[in-house]
Structure formats: structure tokens, C-alpha cells
């Protein structure tokens, strides 16, 4: 159950990254909603990460959380913000994913 909480915390990190990106490209009254989404996802992400850290070692929790966020942020950038998807970027994201899986296997 704690791993599910940690994965959801990482997904909330992706959500707050997406909302932060949207604050840069929206204006007027719509922008405030992206800021509210950012702050809500940030608070939920931190709360869930702290909950997961009660049972999973922090040396595992933090790299997995940041890894999910980093991978998710790259994919959000590619899919929604038209960032480049070149070979090296995908290669290094793949190595990050494999490292997260490795931490799960040994932890």
C-alpha cells in the first residue's frame, strides 16, 4: 500500500509540473485556477510522500518520488508543451526509469 501511495505522490508531482507549465501560457482569470491546481497538487504530493516515508526508507522514497516526477515532467513537456523528444533525452529518461525499477527490486 505504501508503494501505491508513493507512486500517487509522484503522479501529483507530475500534476503540479503540468499546472506550473500552464501558468506560463495562460492569462487573466484562467491563470489563477492553474495556480490553485499547482498548490493543491504540490501539497498533496508532499503529504503523500511523507506518508510513504513512514514505512519505506527515505533513501528510497525520495529518489523514486523525484524520478517519477522527472520522467513525468519530460513526458508532459513533450506531449503538452511541444518540447523536443530526441534520442538522448529518451535514452536518459529510460535509464532513470530502469534505476527506479532497480530501487524497487532491491528495496
PDB file of N, CA and C in Angstrom:
ATOM      1  N   UNK A   1       0.820  -1.197   0.000  1.00  0.00           N
ATOM      2  CA  UNK A   1       0.000   0.000   0.000  1.00  0.00           C
ATOM      3  C   UNK A   1       0.871   1.272   0.000  1.00  0.00           C
ATOM      4  N   UNK A   2       2.004   1.228   0.725  1.00  0.00           N
ATOM      5  CA  UNK A   2       2.876   2.397   0.795  1.00  0.00           C
ATOM      6  C   UNK A   2       3.507   2.715  -0.563  1.00  0.00           C
ATOM      7  N   UNK A   3       3.753   1.675  -1.369  1.00  0.00           N
ATOM      8  CA  UNK A   3       4.287   1.919  -2.704  1.00  0.00           C
ATOM      9  C   UNK A   3       3.233   2.575  -3.594  1.00  0.00           C
ATOM     10  N   UNK A   4       1.984   2.226  -3.416  1.00  0.00           N
ATOM     11  CA  UNK A   4       0.908   2.874  -4.180  1.00  0.00           C
ATOM     12  C   UNK A   4       0.808   4.343  -3.781  1.00  0.00           C
ATOM     13  N   UNK A   5       0.919   4.611  -2.485  1.00  0.00           N
ATOM     14  CA  UNK A   5       0.903   5.994  -2.005  1.00  0.00           C
ATOM     15  C   UNK A   5       2.071   6.773  -2.605  1.00  0.00           C
ATOM     16  N   UNK A   6       3.251   6.154  -2.634  1.00  0.00           N
ATOM     17  CA  UNK A   6       4.430   6.809  -3.197  1.00  0.00           C
ATOM     18  C   UNK A   6       4.270   7.075  -4.689  1.00  0.00           C
ATOM     19  N   UNK A   7       3.734   6.127  -5.404  1.00  0.00           N
ATOM     20  CA  UNK A   7       3.506   6.322  -6.848  1.00  0.00           C
ATOM     21  C   UNK A   7       2.505   7.457  -7.071  1.00  0.00           C
ATOM     22  N   UNK A   8       1.449   7.495  -6.282  1.00  0.00           N
ATOM     23  CA  UNK A   8       0.472   8.570  -6.413  1.00  0.00           C
ATOM     24  C   UNK A   8       1.097   9.919  -6.067  1.00  0.00           C
ATOM     25  N   UNK A   9       1.990   9.946  -5.067  1.00  0.00           N
ATOM     26  CA  UNK A   9       2.708  11.179  -4.718  1.00  0.00           C
ATOM     27  C   UNK A   9       3.541  11.650  -5.912  1.00  0.00           C
ATOM     28  N   UNK A  10       4.197  10.720  -6.583  1.00  0.00           N
ATOM     29  CA  UNK A  10       4.969  11.064  -7.781  1.00  0.00           C
ATOM     30  C   UNK A  10       4.091  11.580  -8.901  1.00  0.00           C
ATOM     31  N   UNK A  11       2.918  10.991  -9.054  1.00  0.00           N
ATOM     32  CA  UNK A  11       1.988  11.462 -10.082  1.00  0.00           C
ATOM     33  C   UNK A  11       1.465  12.862  -9.760  1.00  0.00           C
ATOM     34  N   UNK A  12       1.320  13.156  -8.484  1.00  0.00           N
ATOM     35  CA  UNK A  12       0.921  14.514  -8.094  1.00  0.00           C
ATOM     36  C   UNK A  12       2.043  15.513  -8.391  1.00  0.00           C
ATOM     37  N   UNK A  13       3.286  15.036  -8.329  1.00  0.00           N
ATOM     38  CA  UNK A  13       4.404  15.896  -8.733  1.00  0.00           C
ATOM     39  C   UNK A  13       4.312  16.218 -10.225  1.00  0.00           C
ATOM     40  N   UNK A  14       3.950  15.226 -11.006  1.00  0.00           N
ATOM     41  CA  UNK A  14       3.735  15.458 -12.444  1.00  0.00           C
ATOM     42  C   UNK A  14       2.593  16.450 -12.645  1.00  0.00           C
ATOM     43  N   UNK A  15       1.534  16.307 -11.868  1.00  0.00           N
ATOM     44  CA  UNK A  15       0.379  17.213 -11.976  1.00  0.00           C
ATOM     45  C   UNK A  15       0.777  18.646 -11.652  1.00  0.00           C
ATOM     46  N   UNK A  16       1.578  18.839 -10.591  1.00  0.00           N
ATOM     47  CA  UNK A  16       1.934  20.216 -10.272  1.00  0.00           C
ATOM     48  C   UNK A  16       2.916  20.787 -11.291  1.00  0.00           C
ATOM     49  N   UNK A  17       3.714  19.941 -11.916  1.00  0.00           N
ATOM     50  CA  UNK A  17       4.589  20.406 -13.001  1.00  0.00           C
ATOM     51  C   UNK A  17       3.755  20.864 -14.190  1.00  0.00           C
ATOM     52  N   UNK A  18       2.731  20.085 -14.542  1.00  0.00           N
ATOM     53  CA  UNK A  18       1.842  20.456 -15.643  1.00  0.00           C
ATOM     54  C   UNK A  18       1.155  21.789 -15.347  1.00  0.00           C
ATOM     55  N   UNK A  19       0.617  21.919 -14.147  1.00  0.00           N
ATOM     56  CA  UNK A  19      -0.070  23.165 -13.774  1.00  0.00           C
ATOM     57  C   UNK A  19       0.888  24.348 -13.814  1.00  0.00           C
ATOM     58  N   UNK A  20       2.109  24.145 -13.355  1.00  0.00           N
ATOM     59  CA  UNK A  20       3.091  25.222 -13.392  1.00  0.00           C
ATOM     60  C   UNK A  20       3.381  25.644 -14.824  1.00  0.00           C
ATOM     61  N   UNK A  21       3.485  24.671 -15.721  1.00  0.00           N
ATOM     62  CA  UNK A  21       3.686  24.984 -17.131  1.00  0.00           C
ATOM     63  C   UNK A  21       2.518  25.769 -17.711  1.00  0.00           C
ATOM     64  N   UNK A  22       1.324  25.421 -17.310  1.00  0.00           N
ATOM     65  CA  UNK A  22       0.139  26.132 -17.814  1.00  0.00           C
ATOM     66  C   UNK A  22       0.066  27.568 -17.291  1.00  0.00           C
ATOM     67  N   UNK A  23       0.631  27.843 -16.121  1.00  0.00           N
ATOM     68  CA  UNK A  23       0.608  29.219 -15.613  1.00  0.00           C
ATOM     69  C   UNK A  23       1.430  30.148 -16.497  1.00  0.00           C
ATOM     70  N   UNK A  24       2.394  29.590 -17.221  1.00  0.00           N
ATOM     71  CA  UNK A  24       3.235  30.421 -18.087  1.00  0.00           C
ATOM     72  C   UNK A  24       2.536  30.816 -19.377  1.00  0.00           C
ATOM     73  N   UNK A  25       1.540  30.029 -19.802  1.00  0.00           N
ATOM     74  CA  UNK A  25       0.940  30.277 -21.118  1.00  0.00           C
ATOM     75  C   UNK A  25      -0.515  30.720 -21.056  1.00  0.00           C
ATOM     76  N   UNK A  26      -1.062  30.866 -19.852  1.00  0.00           N
ATOM     77  CA  UNK A  26      -2.443  31.348 -19.736  1.00  0.00           C
ATOM     78  C   UNK A  26      -2.441  32.719 -19.059  1.00  0.00           C
ATOM     79  N   UNK A  27      -3.481  33.479 -19.326  1.00  0.00           N
ATOM     80  CA  UNK A  27      -3.572  34.837 -18.792  1.00  0.00           C
ATOM     81  C   UNK A  27      -4.972  35.078 -18.244  1.00  0.00           C
ATOM     82  N   UNK A  28      -5.100  36.124 -17.489  1.00  0.00           N
ATOM     83  CA  UNK A  28      -6.401  36.527 -16.989  1.00  0.00           C
ATOM     84  C   UNK A  28      -6.898  35.632 -15.871  1.00  0.00           C
ATOM     85  N   UNK A  29      -8.206  35.525 -15.777  1.00  0.00           N
ATOM     86  CA  UNK A  29      -8.825  34.799 -14.665  1.00  0.00           C
ATOM     87  C   UNK A  29      -8.559  33.295 -14.738  1.00  0.00           C
ATOM     88  N   UNK A  30      -8.270  32.758 -15.920  1.00  0.00           N
ATOM     89  CA  UNK A  30      -7.987  31.321 -16.030  1.00  0.00           C
ATOM     90  C   UNK A  30      -6.678  30.953 -15.328  1.00  0.00           C
ATOM     91  N   UNK A  31      -5.736  31.881 -15.316  1.00  0.00           N
ATOM     92  CA  UNK A  31      -4.420  31.604 -14.742  1.00  0.00           C
ATOM     93  C   UNK A  31      -4.491  31.250 -13.255  1.00  0.00           C
ATOM     94  N   UNK A  32      -5.381  31.898 -12.522  1.00  0.00           N
ATOM     95  CA  UNK A  32      -5.481  31.644 -11.088  1.00  0.00           C
ATOM     96  C   UNK A  32      -5.837  30.186 -10.813  1.00  0.00           C
ATOM     97  N   UNK A  33      -6.647  29.576 -11.681  1.00  0.00           N
ATOM     98  CA  UNK A  33      -7.021  28.169 -11.479  1.00  0.00           C
ATOM     99  C   UNK A  33      -5.834  27.238 -11.640  1.00  0.00           C
ATOM    100  N   UNK A  34      -4.933  27.577 -12.552  1.00  0.00           N
ATOM    101  CA  UNK A  34      -3.719  26.765 -12.700  1.00  0.00           C
ATOM    102  C   UNK A  34      -2.826  26.899 -11.473  1.00  0.00           C
ATOM    103  N   UNK A  35      -2.781  28.096 -10.878  1.00  0.00           N
ATOM    104  CA  UNK A  35      -2.017  28.273  -9.643  1.00  0.00           C
ATOM    105  C   UNK A  35      -2.649  27.493  -8.489  1.00  0.00           C
ATOM    106  N   UNK A  36      -3.952  27.487  -8.412  1.00  0.00           N
ATOM    107  CA  UNK A  36      -4.639  26.709  -7.376  1.00  0.00           C
ATOM    108  C   UNK A  36      -4.367  25.218  -7.578  1.00  0.00           C
ATOM    109  N   UNK A  37      -4.436  24.765  -8.820  1.00  0.00           N
ATOM    110  CA  UNK A  37      -4.113  23.364  -9.117  1.00  0.00           C
ATOM    111  C   UNK A  37      -2.679  23.025  -8.748  1.00  0.00           C
ATOM    112  N   UNK A  38      -1.759  23.931  -9.066  1.00  0.00           N
ATOM    113  CA  UNK A  38      -0.347  23.735  -8.722  1.00  0.00           C
ATOM    114  C   UNK A  38      -0.175  23.574  -7.217  1.00  0.00           C
ATOM    115  N   UNK A  39      -0.716  24.498  -6.446  1.00  0.00           N
ATOM    116  CA  UNK A  39      -0.556  24.458  -4.991  1.00  0.00           C
ATOM    117  C   UNK A  39      -1.245  23.242  -4.369  1.00  0.00           C
ATOM    118  N   UNK A  40      -2.405  22.864  -4.892  1.00  0.00           N
ATOM    119  CA  UNK A  40      -3.116  21.692  -4.378  1.00  0.00           C
ATOM    120  C   UNK A  40      -2.338  20.413  -4.655  1.00  0.00           C
ATOM    121  N   UNK A  41      -1.861  20.262  -5.889  1.00  0.00           N
ATOM    122  CA  UNK A  41      -1.096  19.062  -6.240  1.00  0.00           C
ATOM    123  C   UNK A  41       0.222  19.013  -5.471  1.00  0.00           C
ATOM    124  N   UNK A  42       0.843  20.166  -5.275  1.00  0.00           N
ATOM    125  CA  UNK A  42       2.086  20.232  -4.504  1.00  0.00           C
ATOM    126  C   UNK A  42       1.864  19.773  -3.069  1.00  0.00           C
ATOM    127  N   UNK A  43       0.821  20.299  -2.435  1.00  0.00           N
ATOM    128  CA  UNK A  43       0.521  19.926  -1.047  1.00  0.00           C
ATOM    129  C   UNK A  43       0.199  18.436  -0.935  1.00  0.00           C
ATOM    130  N   UNK A  44      -0.599  17.927  -1.863  1.00  0.00           N
ATOM    131  CA  UNK A  44      -0.948  16.505  -1.829  1.00  0.00           C
ATOM    132  C   UNK A  44       0.276  15.634  -2.073  1.00  0.00           C
ATOM    133  N   UNK A  45       1.120  16.039  -3.005  1.00  0.00           N
ATOM    134  CA  UNK A  45       2.335  15.286  -3.300  1.00  0.00           C
ATOM    135  C   UNK A  45       3.235  15.189  -2.075  1.00  0.00           C
ATOM    136  N   UNK A  46       3.460  16.309  -1.411  1.00  0.00           N
ATOM    137  CA  UNK A  46       4.323  16.323  -0.226  1.00  0.00           C
ATOM    138  C   UNK A  46       3.729  15.500   0.916  1.00  0.00           C
ATOM    139  N   UNK A  47       2.425  15.626   1.105  1.00  0.00           N
ATOM    140  CA  UNK A  47       1.757  14.879   2.172  1.00  0.00           C
ATOM    141  C   UNK A  47       1.855  13.378   1.934  1.00  0.00           C
ATOM    142  N   UNK A  48       1.605  12.958   0.699  1.00  0.00           N
ATOM    143  CA  UNK A  48       1.675  11.527   0.383  1.00  0.00           C
ATOM    144  C   UNK A  48       3.104  11.006   0.460  1.00  0.00           C
ATOM    145  N   UNK A  49       4.075  11.820   0.035  1.00  0.00           N
ATOM    146  CA  UNK A  49       5.469  11.393   0.140  1.00  0.00           C
ATOM    147  C   UNK A  49       5.845  11.197   1.607  1.00  0.00           C
ATOM    148  N   UNK A  50       5.435  12.104   2.473  1.00  0.00           N
ATOM    149  CA  UNK A  50       5.718  11.969   3.898  1.00  0.00           C
ATOM    150  C   UNK A  50       5.060  10.714   4.470  1.00  0.00           C
ATOM    151  N   UNK A  51       3.845  10.425   4.027  1.00  0.00           N
ATOM    152  CA  UNK A  51       3.142   9.219   4.484  1.00  0.00           C
ATOM    153  C   UNK A  51       3.891   7.961   4.053  1.00  0.00           C
ATOM    154  N   UNK A  52       4.341   7.935   2.795  1.00  0.00           N
ATOM    155  CA  UNK A  52       5.088   6.771   2.303  1.00  0.00           C
ATOM    156  C   UNK A  52       6.397   6.602   3.065  1.00  0.00           C
ATOM    157  N   UNK A  53       7.012   7.718   3.466  1.00  0.00           N
ATOM    158  CA  UNK A  53       8.297   7.665   4.167  1.00  0.00           C
ATOM    159  C   UNK A  53       8.180   7.102   5.578  1.00  0.00           C
ATOM    160  N   UNK A  54       6.956   6.951   6.071  1.00  0.00           N
ATOM    161  CA  UNK A  54       6.780   6.330   7.378  1.00  0.00           C
ATOM    162  C   UNK A  54       7.151   4.847   7.351  1.00  0.00           C
ATOM    163  N   UNK A  55       6.989   4.197   6.199  1.00  0.00           N
ATOM    164  CA  UNK A  55       7.244   2.752   6.106  1.00  0.00           C
ATOM    165  C   UNK A  55       8.354   2.382   5.125  1.00  0.00           C
ATOM    166  N   UNK A  56       8.625   3.241   4.154  1.00  0.00           N
ATOM    167  CA  UNK A  56       9.669   2.975   3.157  1.00  0.00           C
ATOM    168  C   UNK A  56      10.850   3.876   3.500  1.00  0.00           C
ATOM    169  N   UNK A  57      12.096   3.371   3.412  1.00  0.00           N
ATOM    170  CA  UNK A  57      13.254   4.208   3.734  1.00  0.00           C
ATOM    171  C   UNK A  57      13.291   5.487   2.881  1.00  0.00           C
ATOM    172  N   UNK A  58      13.639   6.608   3.517  1.00  0.00           N
ATOM    173  CA  UNK A  58      13.665   7.887   2.820  1.00  0.00           C
ATOM    174  C   UNK A  58      14.671   7.870   1.666  1.00  0.00           C
ATOM    175  N   UNK A  59      15.720   7.074   1.797  1.00  0.00           N
ATOM    176  CA  UNK A  59      16.702   6.928   0.721  1.00  0.00           C
ATOM    177  C   UNK A  59      16.124   6.256  -0.510  1.00  0.00           C
ATOM    178  N   UNK A  60      15.002   5.611  -0.371  1.00  0.00           N
ATOM    179  CA  UNK A  60      14.271   5.034  -1.499  1.00  0.00           C
ATOM    180  C   UNK A  60      13.123   5.943  -1.904  1.00  0.00           C
ATOM    181  N   UNK A  61      12.408   6.483  -0.921  1.00  0.00           N
ATOM    182  CA  UNK A  61      11.234   7.315  -1.195  1.00  0.00           C
ATOM    183  C   UNK A  61      11.600   8.520  -2.064  1.00  0.00           C
ATOM    184  N   UNK A  62      12.604   9.254  -1.660  1.00  0.00           N
ATOM    185  CA  UNK A  62      12.911  10.493  -2.366  1.00  0.00           C
ATOM    186  C   UNK A  62      13.362  10.262  -3.809  1.00  0.00           C
ATOM    187  N   UNK A  63      14.296   9.329  -4.074  1.00  0.00           N
ATOM    188  CA  UNK A  63      14.662   9.100  -5.477  1.00  0.00           C
ATOM    189  C   UNK A  63      13.507   8.587  -6.342  1.00  0.00           C
ATOM    190  N   UNK A  64      12.653   7.742  -5.780  1.00  0.00           N
ATOM    191  CA  UNK A  64      11.510   7.248  -6.555  1.00  0.00           C
ATOM    192  C   UNK A  64      10.545   8.396  -6.835  1.00  0.00           C
ATOM    193  N   UNK A  65      10.256   9.207  -5.839  1.00  0.00           N
ATOM    194  CA  UNK A  65       9.358  10.353  -5.994  1.00  0.00           C
ATOM    195  C   UNK A  65       9.886  11.327  -7.040  1.00  0.00           C
ATOM    196  N   UNK A  66      11.158  11.697  -6.910  1.00  0.00           N
ATOM    197  CA  UNK A  66      11.721  12.631  -7.888  1.00  0.00           C
ATOM    198  C   UNK A  66      11.853  11.996  -9.260  1.00  0.00           C
ATOM    199  N   UNK A  67      12.124  10.702  -9.297  1.00  0.00           N
ATOM    200  CA  UNK A  67      12.227  10.010 -10.581  1.00  0.00           C
ATOM    201  C   UNK A  67      10.902   9.992 -11.324  1.00  0.00           C
ATOM    202  N   UNK A  68       9.833   9.663 -10.614  1.00  0.00           N
ATOM    203  CA  UNK A  68       8.504   9.686 -11.236  1.00  0.00           C
ATOM    204  C   UNK A  68       8.190  11.102 -11.721  1.00  0.00           C
ATOM    205  N   UNK A  69       8.507  12.076 -10.884  1.00  0.00           N
ATOM    206  CA  UNK A  69       8.266  13.462 -11.277  1.00  0.00           C
ATOM    207  C   UNK A  69       9.094  13.882 -12.476  1.00  0.00           C
ATOM    208  N   UNK A  70      10.360  13.491 -12.508  1.00  0.00           N
ATOM    209  CA  UNK A  70      11.237  13.869 -13.623  1.00  0.00           C
ATOM    210  C   UNK A  70      10.787  13.222 -14.928  1.00  0.00           C
ATOM    211  N   UNK A  71      10.513  11.934 -14.876  1.00  0.00           N
ATOM    212  CA  UNK A  71      10.041  11.228 -16.071  1.00  0.00           C
ATOM    213  C   UNK A  71       8.712  11.813 -16.536  1.00  0.00           C
ATOM    214  N   UNK A  72       7.808  12.003 -15.593  1.00  0.00           N
ATOM    215  CA  UNK A  72       6.507  12.575 -15.935  1.00  0.00           C
ATOM    216  C   UNK A  72       6.616  13.973 -16.498  1.00  0.00           C
ATOM    217  N   UNK A  73       7.507  14.785 -15.926  1.00  0.00           N
ATOM    218  CA  UNK A  73       7.683  16.159 -16.415  1.00  0.00           C
ATOM    219  C   UNK A  73       8.214  16.168 -17.841  1.00  0.00           C
ATOM    220  N   UNK A  74       9.112  15.257 -18.155  1.00  0.00           N
ATOM    221  CA  UNK A  74       9.625  15.179 -19.532  1.00  0.00           C
ATOM    222  C   UNK A  74       8.493  14.804 -20.479  1.00  0.00           C
ATOM    223  N   UNK A  75       7.706  13.804 -20.118  1.00  0.00           N
ATOM    224  CA  UNK A  75       6.601  13.394 -20.993  1.00  0.00           C
ATOM    225  C   UNK A  75       5.537  14.482 -21.115  1.00  0.00           C
ATOM    226  N   UNK A  76       5.238  15.178 -20.014  1.00  0.00           N
ATOM    227  CA  UNK A  76       4.297  16.302 -20.071  1.00  0.00           C
ATOM    228  C   UNK A  76       4.838  17.379 -21.003  1.00  0.00           C
ATOM    229  N   UNK A  77       6.125  17.666 -20.875  1.00  0.00           N
ATOM    230  CA  UNK A  77       6.735  18.667 -21.742  1.00  0.00           C
ATOM    231  C   UNK A  77       6.651  18.289 -23.213  1.00  0.00           C
ATOM    232  N   UNK A  78       6.894  17.028 -23.504  1.00  0.00           N
ATOM    233  CA  UNK A  78       6.834  16.554 -24.892  1.00  0.00           C
ATOM    234  C   UNK A  78       5.401  16.568 -25.410  1.00  0.00           C
ATOM    235  N   UNK A  79       4.477  16.043 -24.616  1.00  0.00           N
ATOM    236  CA  UNK A  79       3.098  15.884 -25.079  1.00  0.00           C
ATOM    237  C   UNK A  79       2.286  17.174 -25.097  1.00  0.00           C
ATOM    238  N   UNK A  80       2.522  18.051 -24.114  1.00  0.00           N
ATOM    239  CA  UNK A  80       1.653  19.216 -23.978  1.00  0.00           C
ATOM    240  C   UNK A  80       2.327  20.554 -24.269  1.00  0.00           C
ATOM    241  N   UNK A  81       3.663  20.601 -24.153  1.00  0.00           N
ATOM    242  CA  UNK A  81       4.353  21.876 -24.319  1.00  0.00           C
ATOM    243  C   UNK A  81       5.328  21.871 -25.493  1.00  0.00           C
ATOM    244  N   UNK A  82       5.228  20.863 -26.330  1.00  0.00           N
ATOM    245  CA  UNK A  82       5.979  20.778 -27.589  1.00  0.00           C
ATOM    246  C   UNK A  82       7.499  20.852 -27.396  1.00  0.00           C
ATOM    247  N   UNK A  83       7.987  20.219 -26.343  1.00  0.00           N
ATOM    248  CA  UNK A  83       9.427  20.142 -26.119  1.00  0.00           C
ATOM    249  C   UNK A  83      10.001  19.015 -26.972  1.00  0.00           C
ATOM    250  N   UNK A  84      11.295  19.068 -27.274  1.00  0.00           N
ATOM    251  CA  UNK A  84      11.889  18.065 -28.166  1.00  0.00           C
ATOM    252  C   UNK A  84      11.913  16.662 -27.550  1.00  0.00           C
ATOM    253  N   UNK A  85      11.801  15.667 -28.416  1.00  0.00           N
ATOM    254  CA  UNK A  85      11.867  14.259 -27.995  1.00  0.00           C
ATOM    255  C   UNK A  85      12.976  13.578 -28.788  1.00  0.00           C
ATOM    256  N   UNK A  86      14.224  13.994 -28.553  1.00  0.00           N
ATOM    257  CA  UNK A  86      15.333  13.418 -29.308  1.00  0.00           C
ATOM    258  C   UNK A  86      15.846  12.134 -28.657  1.00  0.00           C
ATOM    259  N   UNK A  87      16.744  11.470 -29.358  1.00  0.00           N
ATOM    260  CA  UNK A  87      17.255  10.170 -28.908  1.00  0.00           C
ATOM    261  C   UNK A  87      17.851  10.240 -27.504  1.00  0.00           C
ATOM    262  N   UNK A  88      18.750  11.182 -27.254  1.00  0.00           N
ATOM    263  CA  UNK A  88      19.442  11.232 -25.974  1.00  0.00           C
ATOM    264  C   UNK A  88      18.508  11.531 -24.818  1.00  0.00           C
ATOM    265  N   UNK A  89      17.541  12.357 -25.046  1.00  0.00           N
ATOM    266  CA  UNK A  89      16.568  12.670 -23.995  1.00  0.00           C
ATOM    267  C   UNK A  89      15.787  11.409 -23.601  1.00  0.00           C
ATOM    268  N   UNK A  90      15.314  10.685 -24.591  1.00  0.00           N
ATOM    269  CA  UNK A  90      14.581   9.445 -24.329  1.00  0.00           C
ATOM    270  C   UNK A  90      15.507   8.389 -23.711  1.00  0.00           C
ATOM    271  N   UNK A  91      16.737   8.311 -24.185  1.00  0.00           N
ATOM    272  CA  UNK A  91      17.712   7.358 -23.651  1.00  0.00           C
ATOM    273  C   UNK A  91      17.925   7.573 -22.151  1.00  0.00           C
ATOM    274  N   UNK A  92      18.183   8.811 -21.763  1.00  0.00           N
ATOM    275  CA  UNK A  92      18.459   9.077 -20.358  1.00  0.00           C
ATOM    276  C   UNK A  92      17.220   8.960 -19.481  1.00  0.00           C
ATOM    277  N   UNK A  93      16.063   9.270 -20.000  1.00  0.00           N
ATOM    278  CA  UNK A  93      14.832   9.051 -19.243  1.00  0.00           C
ATOM    279  C   UNK A  93      14.618   7.551 -19.033  1.00  0.00           C
ATOM    280  N   UNK A  94      14.939   6.760 -20.043  1.00  0.00           N
ATOM    281  CA  UNK A  94      14.827   5.302 -19.928  1.00  0.00           C
ATOM    282  C   UNK A  94      15.765   4.775 -18.845  1.00  0.00           C
ATOM    283  N   UNK A  95      16.994   5.291 -18.791  1.00  0.00           N
ATOM    284  CA  UNK A  95      17.912   4.842 -17.735  1.00  0.00           C
ATOM    285  C   UNK A  95      17.394   5.239 -16.351  1.00  0.00           C
ATOM    286  N   UNK A  96      16.738   6.381 -16.265  1.00  0.00           N
ATOM    287  CA  UNK A  96      16.150   6.799 -14.991  1.00  0.00           C
ATOM    288  C   UNK A  96      15.031   5.853 -14.574  1.00  0.00           C
ATOM    289  N   UNK A  97      14.185   5.478 -15.513  1.00  0.00           N
ATOM    290  CA  UNK A  97      13.096   4.532 -15.221  1.00  0.00           C
ATOM    291  C   UNK A  97      13.661   3.202 -14.747  1.00  0.00           C
ATOM    292  N   UNK A  98      14.691   2.719 -15.426  1.00  0.00           N
ATOM    293  CA  UNK A  98      15.309   1.447 -15.024  1.00  0.00           C
ATOM    294  C   UNK A  98      15.927   1.546 -13.633  1.00  0.00           C
ATOM    295  N   UNK A  99      16.476   2.706 -13.288  1.00  0.00           N
ATOM    296  CA  UNK A  99      17.022   2.898 -11.956  1.00  0.00           C
ATOM    297  C   UNK A  99      15.934   2.865 -10.889  1.00  0.00           C
ATOM    298  N   UNK A 100      14.794   3.463 -11.178  1.00  0.00           N
ATOM    299  CA  UNK A 100      13.660   3.427 -10.236  1.00  0.00           C
ATOM    300  C   UNK A 100      13.193   1.994 -10.023  1.00  0.00           C
ATOM    301  N   UNK A 101      13.091   1.245 -11.113  1.00  0.00           N
ATOM    302  CA  UNK A 101      12.700  -0.159 -11.009  1.00  0.00           C
ATOM    303  C   UNK A 101      13.721  -0.928 -10.180  1.00  0.00           C
ATOM    304  N   UNK A 102      14.999  -0.642 -10.390  1.00  0.00           N
ATOM    305  CA  UNK A 102      16.066  -1.289  -9.614  1.00  0.00           C
ATOM    306  C   UNK A 102      15.937  -1.006  -8.124  1.00  0.00           C
ATOM    307  N   UNK A 103      15.608   0.241  -7.761  1.00  0.00           N
ATOM    308  CA  UNK A 103      15.397   0.569  -6.352  1.00  0.00           C
ATOM    309  C   UNK A 103      14.231  -0.206  -5.761  1.00  0.00           C
ATOM    310  N   UNK A 104      13.190  -0.368  -6.544  1.00  0.00           N
ATOM    311  CA  UNK A 104      12.028  -1.143  -6.065  1.00  0.00           C
ATOM    312  C   UNK A 104      12.411  -2.601  -5.852  1.00  0.00           C
ATOM    313  N   UNK A 105      13.180  -3.151  -6.765  1.00  0.00           N
ATOM    314  CA  UNK A 105      13.570  -4.566  -6.680  1.00  0.00           C
ATOM    315  C   UNK A 105      14.447  -4.818  -5.456  1.00  0.00           C
ATOM    316  N   UNK A 106      15.414  -3.934  -5.203  1.00  0.00           N
ATOM    317  CA  UNK A 106      16.321  -4.181  -4.075  1.00  0.00           C
ATOM    318  C   UNK A 106      15.783  -3.679  -2.746  1.00  0.00           C
ATOM    319  N   UNK A 107      14.737  -2.795  -2.798  1.00  0.00           N
ATOM    320  CA  UNK A 107      14.227  -2.198  -1.555  1.00  0.00           C
ATOM    321  C   UNK A 107      13.045  -2.942  -1.066  1.00  0.00           C
TER     322      UNK A 107
END
